[in-house]
N, C-alpha and C. Protein backbone atom coordinates (compact mmCIF):
# COMPACT_ATOMS: atom_id res chain seq x y z
N MET A 1 -62.54 182.04 16.71
CA MET A 1 -63.13 180.73 17.00
C MET A 1 -62.03 179.76 17.40
N ASN A 2 -62.32 178.93 18.40
CA ASN A 2 -61.33 177.97 18.88
C ASN A 2 -60.91 176.97 17.81
N ALA A 3 -61.83 176.66 16.90
CA ALA A 3 -61.53 175.69 15.86
C ALA A 3 -60.41 176.15 14.94
N GLU A 4 -60.18 177.47 14.89
CA GLU A 4 -59.10 178.00 14.05
C GLU A 4 -57.74 177.46 14.47
N LYS A 5 -57.60 177.14 15.75
CA LYS A 5 -56.33 176.60 16.22
C LYS A 5 -55.98 175.31 15.50
N GLU A 6 -57.01 174.56 15.10
CA GLU A 6 -56.76 173.31 14.39
C GLU A 6 -56.19 173.55 12.99
N LEU A 7 -56.53 174.69 12.39
CA LEU A 7 -55.96 175.01 11.08
C LEU A 7 -54.45 175.20 11.16
N LEU A 8 -53.99 175.73 12.29
CA LEU A 8 -52.56 175.98 12.47
C LEU A 8 -51.83 174.76 13.03
N ALA A 9 -52.57 173.80 13.56
CA ALA A 9 -51.94 172.70 14.29
C ALA A 9 -51.23 171.71 13.38
N GLY A 10 -51.65 171.60 12.13
CA GLY A 10 -51.08 170.61 11.24
C GLY A 10 -50.18 171.21 10.17
N GLU A 11 -50.18 170.59 9.02
CA GLU A 11 -49.30 170.99 7.92
C GLU A 11 -50.02 171.75 6.82
N LEU A 12 -51.25 172.15 7.07
CA LEU A 12 -52.06 172.76 6.02
C LEU A 12 -51.43 174.03 5.46
N PHE A 13 -50.86 174.86 6.32
CA PHE A 13 -50.34 176.15 5.88
C PHE A 13 -48.82 176.18 5.76
N VAL A 14 -48.19 175.03 5.64
CA VAL A 14 -46.74 174.98 5.42
C VAL A 14 -46.51 175.15 3.93
N ASP A 15 -45.97 176.31 3.55
CA ASP A 15 -45.88 176.62 2.13
C ASP A 15 -44.75 177.60 1.85
N GLU A 16 -44.72 178.11 0.60
CA GLU A 16 -43.65 179.00 0.18
C GLU A 16 -43.68 180.34 0.91
N GLY A 17 -44.84 180.73 1.43
CA GLY A 17 -44.90 181.98 2.19
C GLY A 17 -44.06 181.90 3.45
N ILE A 18 -44.07 180.73 4.09
CA ILE A 18 -43.23 180.54 5.28
C ILE A 18 -41.76 180.59 4.90
N GLU A 19 -41.42 179.95 3.79
CA GLU A 19 -40.02 179.96 3.36
C GLU A 19 -39.56 181.38 3.04
N ALA A 20 -40.44 182.16 2.42
CA ALA A 20 -40.10 183.55 2.12
C ALA A 20 -39.87 184.35 3.39
N ALA A 21 -40.70 184.12 4.40
CA ALA A 21 -40.54 184.82 5.68
C ALA A 21 -39.23 184.41 6.36
N ARG A 22 -38.91 183.12 6.33
CA ARG A 22 -37.64 182.65 6.91
C ARG A 22 -36.46 183.32 6.21
N ASN A 23 -36.50 183.34 4.89
CA ASN A 23 -35.39 183.92 4.14
C ASN A 23 -35.22 185.40 4.44
N ALA A 24 -36.33 186.08 4.70
CA ALA A 24 -36.24 187.51 4.99
C ALA A 24 -35.56 187.78 6.33
N CYS A 25 -35.73 186.84 7.28
CA CYS A 25 -35.24 187.09 8.63
C CYS A 25 -33.96 186.35 8.99
N VAL A 26 -33.50 185.45 8.15
CA VAL A 26 -32.38 184.61 8.54
C VAL A 26 -31.09 185.42 8.75
N ALA A 27 -30.98 186.57 8.07
CA ALA A 27 -29.79 187.41 8.24
C ALA A 27 -30.03 188.52 9.24
N GLY A 28 -31.16 188.47 9.95
CA GLY A 28 -31.42 189.45 11.00
C GLY A 28 -32.42 190.51 10.65
N ALA A 29 -33.13 190.39 9.53
CA ALA A 29 -34.13 191.39 9.16
C ALA A 29 -35.28 191.37 10.16
N SER A 30 -36.08 192.42 10.15
CA SER A 30 -37.17 192.55 11.11
C SER A 30 -38.33 191.63 10.78
N LEU A 31 -39.19 191.41 11.78
CA LEU A 31 -40.40 190.63 11.55
C LEU A 31 -41.33 191.34 10.58
N ALA A 32 -41.29 192.66 10.57
CA ALA A 32 -42.11 193.41 9.62
C ALA A 32 -41.71 193.07 8.19
N ALA A 33 -40.40 192.89 7.97
CA ALA A 33 -39.94 192.50 6.64
C ALA A 33 -40.45 191.11 6.28
N ALA A 34 -40.43 190.21 7.26
CA ALA A 34 -40.95 188.86 7.03
C ALA A 34 -42.44 188.89 6.73
N LEU A 35 -43.18 189.72 7.46
CA LEU A 35 -44.62 189.81 7.26
C LEU A 35 -44.95 190.34 5.86
N SER A 36 -44.22 191.37 5.44
CA SER A 36 -44.46 191.94 4.11
C SER A 36 -44.15 190.92 3.02
N THR A 37 -43.08 190.17 3.20
CA THR A 37 -42.69 189.17 2.20
C THR A 37 -43.72 188.05 2.11
N ALA A 38 -44.14 187.55 3.26
CA ALA A 38 -45.13 186.48 3.26
C ALA A 38 -46.48 186.96 2.75
N ALA A 39 -46.87 188.18 3.14
CA ALA A 39 -48.18 188.71 2.74
C ALA A 39 -48.27 188.86 1.23
N ALA A 40 -47.15 189.20 0.59
CA ALA A 40 -47.15 189.32 -0.87
C ALA A 40 -47.48 187.97 -1.51
N TYR A 41 -46.99 186.90 -0.92
CA TYR A 41 -47.31 185.56 -1.44
C TYR A 41 -48.76 185.20 -1.15
N TYR A 42 -49.25 185.54 0.03
CA TYR A 42 -50.60 185.15 0.41
C TYR A 42 -51.68 185.99 -0.28
N ASP A 43 -51.27 186.99 -1.03
CA ASP A 43 -52.22 187.82 -1.76
C ASP A 43 -52.37 187.35 -3.21
N ASN A 44 -51.69 186.26 -3.59
CA ASN A 44 -51.76 185.83 -4.98
C ASN A 44 -53.18 185.33 -5.31
N PRO A 45 -53.61 185.48 -6.57
CA PRO A 45 -55.01 185.19 -6.92
C PRO A 45 -55.35 183.71 -7.03
N PHE A 46 -54.36 182.83 -7.03
CA PHE A 46 -54.62 181.41 -7.27
C PHE A 46 -54.73 180.59 -5.99
N THR A 47 -53.89 180.88 -5.01
CA THR A 47 -53.93 180.14 -3.75
C THR A 47 -53.97 181.07 -2.54
N GLY A 48 -54.11 182.36 -2.77
CA GLY A 48 -54.11 183.33 -1.69
C GLY A 48 -55.52 183.77 -1.31
N ALA A 49 -55.58 184.92 -0.64
CA ALA A 49 -56.86 185.43 -0.16
C ALA A 49 -57.89 185.66 -1.26
N PRO A 50 -57.50 186.15 -2.44
CA PRO A 50 -58.51 186.31 -3.51
C PRO A 50 -59.17 184.98 -3.89
N ALA A 51 -58.40 183.89 -3.89
CA ALA A 51 -58.97 182.58 -4.21
C ALA A 51 -59.91 182.12 -3.10
N LEU A 52 -59.58 182.46 -1.85
CA LEU A 52 -60.46 182.11 -0.73
C LEU A 52 -61.82 182.77 -0.91
N ARG A 53 -61.81 184.07 -1.21
CA ARG A 53 -63.07 184.79 -1.43
C ARG A 53 -63.86 184.18 -2.58
N ALA A 54 -63.16 183.93 -3.68
CA ALA A 54 -63.83 183.40 -4.87
C ALA A 54 -64.44 182.03 -4.59
N CYS A 55 -63.71 181.20 -3.86
CA CYS A 55 -64.22 179.86 -3.53
C CYS A 55 -65.47 179.95 -2.66
N MET A 56 -65.45 180.83 -1.67
CA MET A 56 -66.60 180.99 -0.80
C MET A 56 -67.80 181.53 -1.57
N LEU A 57 -67.57 182.47 -2.46
CA LEU A 57 -68.65 183.04 -3.25
C LEU A 57 -69.24 182.02 -4.21
N ARG A 58 -68.40 181.22 -4.85
CA ARG A 58 -68.86 180.29 -5.87
C ARG A 58 -69.58 179.08 -5.28
N PHE A 59 -69.04 178.54 -4.20
CA PHE A 59 -69.55 177.27 -3.69
C PHE A 59 -70.40 177.40 -2.43
N GLY A 60 -70.36 178.57 -1.80
CA GLY A 60 -71.06 178.72 -0.52
C GLY A 60 -72.56 178.54 -0.61
N GLY A 61 -73.14 178.92 -1.73
CA GLY A 61 -74.59 178.84 -1.87
C GLY A 61 -75.09 177.61 -2.57
N LEU A 62 -74.20 176.71 -2.95
CA LEU A 62 -74.61 175.51 -3.69
C LEU A 62 -75.16 174.44 -2.77
N PRO A 63 -76.13 173.69 -3.24
CA PRO A 63 -76.56 172.51 -2.46
C PRO A 63 -75.45 171.48 -2.45
N LEU A 64 -75.45 170.63 -1.45
CA LEU A 64 -74.41 169.62 -1.34
C LEU A 64 -74.75 168.40 -2.19
N THR A 65 -74.74 168.64 -3.50
CA THR A 65 -74.94 167.57 -4.47
C THR A 65 -73.77 167.59 -5.44
N LEU A 66 -73.30 166.42 -5.81
CA LEU A 66 -72.15 166.34 -6.71
C LEU A 66 -72.44 167.00 -8.04
N GLU A 67 -73.66 166.85 -8.54
CA GLU A 67 -74.01 167.44 -9.83
C GLU A 67 -73.84 168.95 -9.82
N ALA A 68 -74.31 169.60 -8.75
CA ALA A 68 -74.22 171.06 -8.66
C ALA A 68 -72.76 171.52 -8.59
N TRP A 69 -71.94 170.83 -7.83
CA TRP A 69 -70.54 171.22 -7.68
C TRP A 69 -69.74 170.96 -8.96
N LEU A 70 -70.03 169.85 -9.61
CA LEU A 70 -69.33 169.55 -10.87
C LEU A 70 -69.73 170.55 -11.95
N SER A 71 -70.98 170.92 -11.98
CA SER A 71 -71.45 171.90 -12.97
C SER A 71 -70.77 173.24 -12.76
N GLU A 72 -70.66 173.68 -11.50
CA GLU A 72 -70.00 174.96 -11.21
C GLU A 72 -68.51 174.88 -11.50
N ALA A 73 -67.88 173.78 -11.18
CA ALA A 73 -66.45 173.61 -11.45
C ALA A 73 -66.17 173.66 -12.95
N ALA A 74 -67.02 172.98 -13.74
CA ALA A 74 -66.83 172.97 -15.18
C ALA A 74 -67.03 174.36 -15.77
N ARG A 75 -68.01 175.09 -15.24
CA ARG A 75 -68.27 176.45 -15.73
C ARG A 75 -67.09 177.37 -15.46
N LEU A 76 -66.51 177.26 -14.27
CA LEU A 76 -65.38 178.11 -13.91
C LEU A 76 -64.13 177.74 -14.70
N ALA A 77 -63.90 176.45 -14.88
CA ALA A 77 -62.70 176.00 -15.59
C ALA A 77 -62.72 176.44 -17.05
N GLU A 78 -63.91 176.65 -17.61
CA GLU A 78 -64.03 177.03 -19.01
C GLU A 78 -64.27 178.53 -19.19
N ASP A 79 -64.14 179.30 -18.13
CA ASP A 79 -64.40 180.74 -18.19
C ASP A 79 -63.31 181.44 -19.02
N ASP A 80 -63.69 181.92 -20.20
CA ASP A 80 -62.74 182.57 -21.10
C ASP A 80 -62.34 183.95 -20.60
N ARG A 81 -63.08 184.50 -19.65
CA ARG A 81 -62.75 185.84 -19.17
C ARG A 81 -61.58 185.84 -18.20
N ALA A 82 -61.27 184.68 -17.63
CA ALA A 82 -60.17 184.58 -16.68
C ALA A 82 -58.83 184.56 -17.40
N ASP A 83 -57.84 185.24 -16.85
CA ASP A 83 -56.49 185.22 -17.43
C ASP A 83 -55.96 183.79 -17.47
N VAL A 84 -56.14 183.07 -16.38
CA VAL A 84 -55.78 181.66 -16.29
C VAL A 84 -57.00 180.92 -15.77
N PRO A 85 -57.76 180.26 -16.64
CA PRO A 85 -58.97 179.58 -16.17
C PRO A 85 -58.65 178.57 -15.07
N PHE A 86 -59.36 178.65 -13.97
CA PHE A 86 -59.14 177.72 -12.86
C PHE A 86 -60.36 177.75 -11.96
N VAL A 87 -60.42 176.80 -11.06
CA VAL A 87 -61.49 176.72 -10.08
C VAL A 87 -60.91 177.11 -8.73
N PRO A 88 -61.33 178.22 -8.14
CA PRO A 88 -60.74 178.66 -6.87
C PRO A 88 -60.91 177.62 -5.77
N GLY A 89 -59.82 177.36 -5.05
CA GLY A 89 -59.82 176.36 -3.99
C GLY A 89 -59.32 175.01 -4.45
N PHE A 90 -59.03 174.90 -5.75
CA PHE A 90 -58.58 173.63 -6.30
C PHE A 90 -57.37 173.85 -7.19
N GLY A 91 -56.53 172.83 -7.31
CA GLY A 91 -55.37 172.88 -8.20
C GLY A 91 -54.17 173.60 -7.61
N PHE A 92 -53.14 173.76 -8.45
CA PHE A 92 -51.91 174.48 -8.10
C PHE A 92 -51.13 173.81 -6.97
N LEU A 93 -51.07 172.48 -6.99
CA LEU A 93 -50.22 171.77 -6.04
C LEU A 93 -49.87 170.39 -6.62
N LEU A 94 -48.72 169.89 -6.18
CA LEU A 94 -48.23 168.61 -6.66
C LEU A 94 -48.94 167.45 -5.95
N PRO A 95 -48.88 166.25 -6.54
CA PRO A 95 -49.60 165.10 -5.95
C PRO A 95 -49.28 164.84 -4.48
N ALA A 96 -48.00 164.93 -4.12
CA ALA A 96 -47.63 164.67 -2.72
C ALA A 96 -48.29 165.68 -1.79
N ARG A 97 -48.30 166.93 -2.21
CA ARG A 97 -48.92 167.97 -1.40
C ARG A 97 -50.44 167.80 -1.37
N ALA A 98 -51.02 167.35 -2.48
CA ALA A 98 -52.46 167.11 -2.51
C ALA A 98 -52.87 166.06 -1.49
N SER A 99 -52.03 165.05 -1.32
CA SER A 99 -52.30 164.01 -0.31
C SER A 99 -52.26 164.59 1.10
N VAL A 100 -51.31 165.50 1.33
CA VAL A 100 -51.21 166.14 2.64
C VAL A 100 -52.46 166.95 2.94
N VAL A 101 -52.94 167.68 1.94
CA VAL A 101 -54.14 168.51 2.12
C VAL A 101 -55.34 167.64 2.47
N LEU A 102 -55.51 166.53 1.78
CA LEU A 102 -56.62 165.62 2.08
C LEU A 102 -56.49 165.05 3.49
N SER A 103 -55.26 164.72 3.88
CA SER A 103 -55.04 164.21 5.24
C SER A 103 -55.40 165.27 6.28
N GLU A 104 -55.06 166.52 5.99
CA GLU A 104 -55.39 167.60 6.91
C GLU A 104 -56.90 167.81 6.99
N CYS A 105 -57.58 167.65 5.87
CA CYS A 105 -59.03 167.76 5.85
C CYS A 105 -59.65 166.66 6.72
N ARG A 106 -59.13 165.46 6.61
CA ARG A 106 -59.61 164.35 7.46
C ARG A 106 -59.36 164.65 8.93
N ARG A 107 -58.18 165.21 9.22
CA ARG A 107 -57.84 165.52 10.62
C ARG A 107 -58.80 166.55 11.19
N LEU A 108 -59.12 167.59 10.40
CA LEU A 108 -60.04 168.63 10.87
C LEU A 108 -61.42 168.05 11.15
N ILE A 109 -61.86 167.13 10.30
CA ILE A 109 -63.16 166.48 10.51
C ILE A 109 -63.12 165.63 11.78
N ALA A 110 -62.04 164.88 11.95
CA ALA A 110 -61.92 164.01 13.12
C ALA A 110 -61.86 164.82 14.41
N ARG A 111 -61.29 166.01 14.35
CA ARG A 111 -61.17 166.87 15.53
C ARG A 111 -62.43 167.68 15.78
N GLY A 112 -63.43 167.54 14.89
CA GLY A 112 -64.67 168.28 15.06
C GLY A 112 -64.57 169.74 14.66
N ALA A 113 -63.49 170.11 13.92
CA ALA A 113 -63.29 171.49 13.53
C ALA A 113 -63.91 171.80 12.17
N ALA A 114 -64.22 170.78 11.39
CA ALA A 114 -64.79 170.97 10.06
C ALA A 114 -66.18 170.36 10.01
N GLY A 115 -66.99 170.88 9.06
CA GLY A 115 -68.38 170.46 9.02
C GLY A 115 -68.79 169.81 7.71
N LEU A 116 -70.03 170.10 7.31
CA LEU A 116 -70.66 169.38 6.21
C LEU A 116 -69.95 169.56 4.87
N ARG A 117 -69.51 170.76 4.56
CA ARG A 117 -68.88 170.99 3.27
C ARG A 117 -67.55 170.28 3.15
N CYS A 118 -66.78 170.31 4.22
CA CYS A 118 -65.51 169.59 4.20
C CYS A 118 -65.76 168.09 4.02
N ARG A 119 -66.75 167.57 4.71
CA ARG A 119 -67.08 166.15 4.58
C ARG A 119 -67.54 165.83 3.16
N PHE A 120 -68.34 166.71 2.59
CA PHE A 120 -68.86 166.50 1.24
C PHE A 120 -67.73 166.47 0.21
N VAL A 121 -66.84 167.47 0.27
CA VAL A 121 -65.75 167.53 -0.71
C VAL A 121 -64.79 166.37 -0.51
N LEU A 122 -64.54 165.98 0.71
CA LEU A 122 -63.66 164.84 0.95
C LEU A 122 -64.28 163.55 0.39
N GLU A 123 -65.58 163.40 0.58
CA GLU A 123 -66.26 162.22 0.08
C GLU A 123 -66.19 162.12 -1.44
N HIS A 124 -66.25 163.28 -2.12
CA HIS A 124 -66.31 163.30 -3.58
C HIS A 124 -65.02 163.84 -4.21
N HIS A 125 -63.91 163.77 -3.48
CA HIS A 125 -62.71 164.45 -3.95
C HIS A 125 -62.18 163.88 -5.27
N LEU A 126 -62.37 162.60 -5.54
CA LEU A 126 -61.88 162.03 -6.79
C LEU A 126 -62.63 162.62 -7.98
N ALA A 127 -63.95 162.68 -7.89
CA ALA A 127 -64.76 163.24 -8.98
C ALA A 127 -64.48 164.73 -9.14
N LEU A 128 -64.38 165.44 -8.03
CA LEU A 128 -64.12 166.87 -8.11
C LEU A 128 -62.72 167.16 -8.66
N ALA A 129 -61.75 166.34 -8.28
CA ALA A 129 -60.38 166.54 -8.77
C ALA A 129 -60.30 166.36 -10.28
N ARG A 130 -61.08 165.44 -10.82
CA ARG A 130 -61.07 165.26 -12.27
C ARG A 130 -61.61 166.50 -12.99
N ALA A 131 -62.53 167.20 -12.36
CA ALA A 131 -63.13 168.38 -12.99
C ALA A 131 -62.41 169.68 -12.65
N ALA A 132 -61.85 169.75 -11.45
CA ALA A 132 -61.33 171.04 -10.98
C ALA A 132 -59.87 170.99 -10.54
N GLY A 133 -59.28 169.80 -10.44
CA GLY A 133 -57.96 169.68 -9.84
C GLY A 133 -58.10 169.31 -8.38
N PRO A 134 -57.00 168.94 -7.74
CA PRO A 134 -57.07 168.53 -6.33
C PRO A 134 -57.39 169.70 -5.40
N LEU A 135 -58.08 169.39 -4.33
CA LEU A 135 -58.37 170.40 -3.31
C LEU A 135 -57.07 170.93 -2.74
N ASN A 136 -56.95 172.26 -2.60
CA ASN A 136 -55.73 172.83 -2.03
C ASN A 136 -56.01 173.42 -0.65
N ALA A 137 -54.97 173.92 -0.01
CA ALA A 137 -55.10 174.42 1.37
C ALA A 137 -56.08 175.59 1.46
N THR A 138 -56.10 176.44 0.44
CA THR A 138 -57.03 177.57 0.44
C THR A 138 -58.46 177.07 0.34
N GLY A 139 -58.67 176.02 -0.45
CA GLY A 139 -59.99 175.43 -0.55
C GLY A 139 -60.46 174.87 0.78
N VAL A 140 -59.58 174.18 1.50
CA VAL A 140 -59.95 173.65 2.82
C VAL A 140 -60.32 174.80 3.75
N ALA A 141 -59.54 175.88 3.73
CA ALA A 141 -59.83 177.03 4.59
C ALA A 141 -61.18 177.65 4.22
N ALA A 142 -61.46 177.76 2.91
CA ALA A 142 -62.75 178.32 2.49
C ALA A 142 -63.90 177.46 2.98
N LEU A 143 -63.78 176.14 2.84
CA LEU A 143 -64.82 175.23 3.32
C LEU A 143 -64.98 175.33 4.84
N PHE A 144 -63.85 175.44 5.53
CA PHE A 144 -63.85 175.58 6.99
C PHE A 144 -64.66 176.81 7.41
N PHE A 145 -64.36 177.95 6.78
CA PHE A 145 -65.07 179.19 7.16
C PHE A 145 -66.54 179.13 6.77
N LEU A 146 -66.86 178.51 5.64
CA LEU A 146 -68.26 178.35 5.25
C LEU A 146 -69.00 177.47 6.26
N ASP A 147 -68.35 176.39 6.68
CA ASP A 147 -68.97 175.50 7.66
C ASP A 147 -69.25 176.20 8.98
N HIS A 148 -68.42 177.21 9.29
CA HIS A 148 -68.61 177.94 10.55
C HIS A 148 -69.43 179.21 10.37
N GLY A 149 -70.01 179.39 9.18
CA GLY A 149 -70.90 180.52 8.95
C GLY A 149 -70.21 181.87 8.97
N ALA A 150 -68.92 181.91 8.64
CA ALA A 150 -68.17 183.16 8.68
C ALA A 150 -68.51 184.06 7.49
N ASP A 151 -68.62 185.34 7.75
CA ASP A 151 -68.75 186.33 6.68
C ASP A 151 -67.49 186.31 5.82
N ILE A 152 -67.63 186.59 4.52
CA ILE A 152 -66.48 186.49 3.61
C ILE A 152 -65.38 187.47 4.00
N ASP A 153 -65.75 188.69 4.36
CA ASP A 153 -64.73 189.67 4.75
C ASP A 153 -64.00 189.23 6.01
N VAL A 154 -64.74 188.69 6.96
CA VAL A 154 -64.12 188.19 8.20
C VAL A 154 -63.21 187.01 7.88
N ALA A 155 -63.69 186.12 7.02
CA ALA A 155 -62.90 184.95 6.66
C ALA A 155 -61.59 185.36 5.99
N GLU A 156 -61.64 186.35 5.12
CA GLU A 156 -60.42 186.81 4.45
C GLU A 156 -59.41 187.33 5.46
N ARG A 157 -59.87 188.15 6.41
CA ARG A 157 -58.97 188.67 7.43
C ARG A 157 -58.39 187.55 8.27
N ARG A 158 -59.23 186.61 8.70
CA ARG A 158 -58.74 185.52 9.54
C ARG A 158 -57.75 184.64 8.78
N PHE A 159 -58.03 184.39 7.52
CA PHE A 159 -57.14 183.60 6.68
C PHE A 159 -55.75 184.23 6.61
N LEU A 160 -55.71 185.53 6.34
CA LEU A 160 -54.42 186.22 6.25
C LEU A 160 -53.71 186.26 7.59
N LEU A 161 -54.46 186.48 8.65
CA LEU A 161 -53.85 186.54 9.98
C LEU A 161 -53.29 185.19 10.40
N LEU A 162 -54.05 184.12 10.14
CA LEU A 162 -53.59 182.79 10.51
C LEU A 162 -52.32 182.40 9.77
N ARG A 163 -52.32 182.64 8.46
CA ARG A 163 -51.15 182.27 7.67
C ARG A 163 -49.96 183.14 8.05
N SER A 164 -50.20 184.42 8.30
CA SER A 164 -49.11 185.32 8.66
C SER A 164 -48.55 184.97 10.03
N GLU A 165 -49.42 184.55 10.96
CA GLU A 165 -48.95 184.17 12.30
C GLU A 165 -47.96 183.01 12.21
N LEU A 166 -48.30 182.00 11.42
CA LEU A 166 -47.41 180.86 11.28
C LEU A 166 -46.10 181.26 10.62
N ALA A 167 -46.19 182.11 9.58
CA ALA A 167 -44.98 182.57 8.89
C ALA A 167 -44.09 183.37 9.83
N LEU A 168 -44.69 184.19 10.69
CA LEU A 168 -43.90 185.00 11.63
C LEU A 168 -43.22 184.13 12.68
N MET A 169 -43.91 183.10 13.15
CA MET A 169 -43.29 182.20 14.13
C MET A 169 -42.07 181.52 13.53
N GLU A 170 -42.18 181.09 12.28
CA GLU A 170 -41.04 180.45 11.62
C GLU A 170 -39.94 181.45 11.32
N ALA A 171 -40.31 182.68 11.01
CA ALA A 171 -39.31 183.73 10.76
C ALA A 171 -38.52 184.03 12.02
N GLU A 172 -39.21 184.03 13.17
CA GLU A 172 -38.52 184.25 14.45
C GLU A 172 -37.48 183.16 14.70
N LYS A 173 -37.87 181.92 14.42
CA LYS A 173 -36.93 180.81 14.60
C LYS A 173 -35.71 180.99 13.70
N ALA A 174 -35.94 181.38 12.45
CA ALA A 174 -34.83 181.57 11.51
C ALA A 174 -33.91 182.70 11.97
N ARG A 175 -34.50 183.76 12.51
CA ARG A 175 -33.68 184.88 12.97
C ARG A 175 -32.84 184.48 14.18
N ARG A 176 -33.42 183.68 15.09
CA ARG A 176 -32.66 183.22 16.25
C ARG A 176 -31.54 182.27 15.83
N THR A 177 -31.84 181.40 14.87
CA THR A 177 -30.84 180.43 14.42
C THR A 177 -29.69 181.12 13.72
N GLY A 178 -30.03 182.06 12.84
CA GLY A 178 -28.99 182.85 12.19
C GLY A 178 -28.50 182.28 10.87
N LEU A 179 -27.74 183.10 10.19
CA LEU A 179 -27.28 182.78 8.84
C LEU A 179 -26.25 181.66 8.82
N HIS A 180 -25.57 181.42 9.94
CA HIS A 180 -24.47 180.46 9.93
C HIS A 180 -24.92 179.03 9.70
N VAL A 181 -26.22 178.74 9.87
CA VAL A 181 -26.71 177.40 9.58
C VAL A 181 -27.65 177.39 8.38
N PHE A 182 -27.63 178.46 7.62
CA PHE A 182 -28.48 178.54 6.44
C PHE A 182 -27.98 177.53 5.40
N PRO A 183 -28.88 176.86 4.66
CA PRO A 183 -28.43 175.90 3.65
C PRO A 183 -27.41 176.52 2.69
N PHE A 184 -26.42 175.75 2.33
CA PHE A 184 -25.33 176.11 1.43
C PHE A 184 -24.28 176.99 2.12
N LEU A 185 -24.54 177.40 3.35
CA LEU A 185 -23.51 178.11 4.10
C LEU A 185 -22.99 177.22 5.23
N SER A 186 -23.82 176.32 5.70
CA SER A 186 -23.40 175.42 6.77
C SER A 186 -22.70 174.18 6.23
N GLU A 187 -22.78 173.95 4.94
CA GLU A 187 -22.14 172.79 4.34
C GLU A 187 -21.17 173.25 3.25
N ARG A 188 -20.11 172.46 3.06
CA ARG A 188 -19.11 172.81 2.05
C ARG A 188 -19.47 172.13 0.74
N HIS A 189 -19.70 172.93 -0.29
CA HIS A 189 -20.05 172.40 -1.60
C HIS A 189 -18.88 172.65 -2.55
N VAL A 190 -18.49 171.61 -3.25
CA VAL A 190 -17.34 171.69 -4.15
C VAL A 190 -17.80 171.43 -5.58
N TYR A 191 -17.40 172.31 -6.49
CA TYR A 191 -17.71 172.13 -7.90
C TYR A 191 -16.87 170.98 -8.44
N GLU A 192 -17.53 169.97 -9.04
CA GLU A 192 -16.84 168.76 -9.45
C GLU A 192 -16.52 168.70 -10.94
N GLY A 193 -16.95 169.69 -11.69
CA GLY A 193 -16.70 169.67 -13.14
C GLY A 193 -15.34 170.24 -13.49
N HIS A 194 -15.06 170.28 -14.80
CA HIS A 194 -13.82 170.87 -15.29
C HIS A 194 -13.97 172.39 -15.38
N THR A 195 -12.91 173.07 -15.06
CA THR A 195 -12.92 174.53 -15.16
C THR A 195 -12.87 174.92 -16.64
N PRO A 196 -13.83 175.69 -17.12
CA PRO A 196 -13.80 176.08 -18.54
C PRO A 196 -12.64 177.01 -18.82
N PRO A 197 -12.12 176.98 -20.05
CA PRO A 197 -11.00 177.86 -20.39
C PRO A 197 -11.41 179.32 -20.34
N ALA A 198 -10.47 180.16 -19.94
CA ALA A 198 -10.75 181.59 -19.89
C ALA A 198 -10.87 182.14 -21.31
N VAL A 199 -11.87 182.95 -21.53
CA VAL A 199 -12.11 183.55 -22.84
C VAL A 199 -12.04 185.06 -22.69
N PRO A 200 -11.20 185.73 -23.50
CA PRO A 200 -11.13 187.19 -23.39
C PRO A 200 -12.46 187.83 -23.78
N LEU A 201 -12.82 188.87 -23.08
CA LEU A 201 -14.09 189.55 -23.34
C LEU A 201 -13.88 190.61 -24.40
N ASP A 202 -14.56 190.42 -25.54
CA ASP A 202 -14.51 191.39 -26.64
C ASP A 202 -15.72 192.30 -26.51
N VAL A 203 -15.54 193.42 -25.81
CA VAL A 203 -16.67 194.30 -25.52
C VAL A 203 -17.29 194.87 -26.79
N PRO A 204 -16.50 195.38 -27.77
CA PRO A 204 -17.12 195.91 -29.00
C PRO A 204 -17.97 194.87 -29.73
N ALA A 205 -17.46 193.62 -29.81
CA ALA A 205 -18.22 192.57 -30.49
C ALA A 205 -19.50 192.25 -29.74
N LEU A 206 -19.43 192.23 -28.41
CA LEU A 206 -20.61 191.96 -27.59
C LEU A 206 -21.64 193.07 -27.76
N MET A 207 -21.18 194.32 -27.77
CA MET A 207 -22.09 195.44 -27.96
C MET A 207 -22.78 195.35 -29.30
N GLN A 208 -22.02 194.94 -30.32
CA GLN A 208 -22.59 194.82 -31.66
C GLN A 208 -23.67 193.73 -31.71
N ARG A 209 -23.39 192.58 -31.05
CA ARG A 209 -24.35 191.48 -31.03
C ARG A 209 -25.65 191.89 -30.32
N LEU A 210 -25.52 192.76 -29.35
CA LEU A 210 -26.69 193.21 -28.60
C LEU A 210 -27.39 194.41 -29.22
N GLY A 211 -26.81 194.90 -30.32
CA GLY A 211 -27.39 196.05 -30.97
C GLY A 211 -27.21 197.35 -30.23
N LEU A 212 -26.14 197.40 -29.44
CA LEU A 212 -25.86 198.60 -28.62
C LEU A 212 -24.69 199.41 -29.11
N ASP A 213 -24.26 199.14 -30.36
CA ASP A 213 -23.09 199.85 -30.89
C ASP A 213 -23.47 201.06 -31.72
N SER A 214 -24.79 201.36 -31.76
CA SER A 214 -25.24 202.51 -32.55
C SER A 214 -25.13 203.79 -31.73
N ASP A 215 -24.95 204.90 -32.45
CA ASP A 215 -24.88 206.19 -31.79
C ASP A 215 -26.25 206.79 -31.54
N ASP A 216 -27.33 206.09 -31.99
CA ASP A 216 -28.68 206.62 -31.82
C ASP A 216 -29.08 206.62 -30.35
């Protein structure tokens, strides 16, 4: 869908997965290495593809009423069966990043790429944030795919492909730039503290402290 281009156009998917891909390629590693590194991050259950699926499943069939969404958010947040109780599509980001996500949601609406669910969550984001945490990038993507009537399996594939595409583009840039401008290598950093006194290493005493001096 052409509207997917809008998901990549802004800052919605600028995250640690991109940084991981850059780090993999900055010394000349292959794009496949960057893809594997980023994909491992995008598969996490809290902000990755599993959270996208869960968000679509939980909220896709709800009426667009605040009561229904708050009730579902409260039920999920109190789910004792979850290893870490949370509401998929919400939380796991700092306040500054939460503001960026809301701005991106507004941009998608203004560009005609987002529909009723994105508008609804944006309208009620303060109430929803109190119950579920702030809307995150995965939540915006889930709402986007729901608004476009995408099947959950298709949405999961598109989500991973879109995020991986952006990570690969940034990895290519890092590989072209090279290690010589990598942070902490392009600048001279000097330790400003006092040099601690040299202490002789007493291996037998250290082994004893660690409980490794036994013949067992």
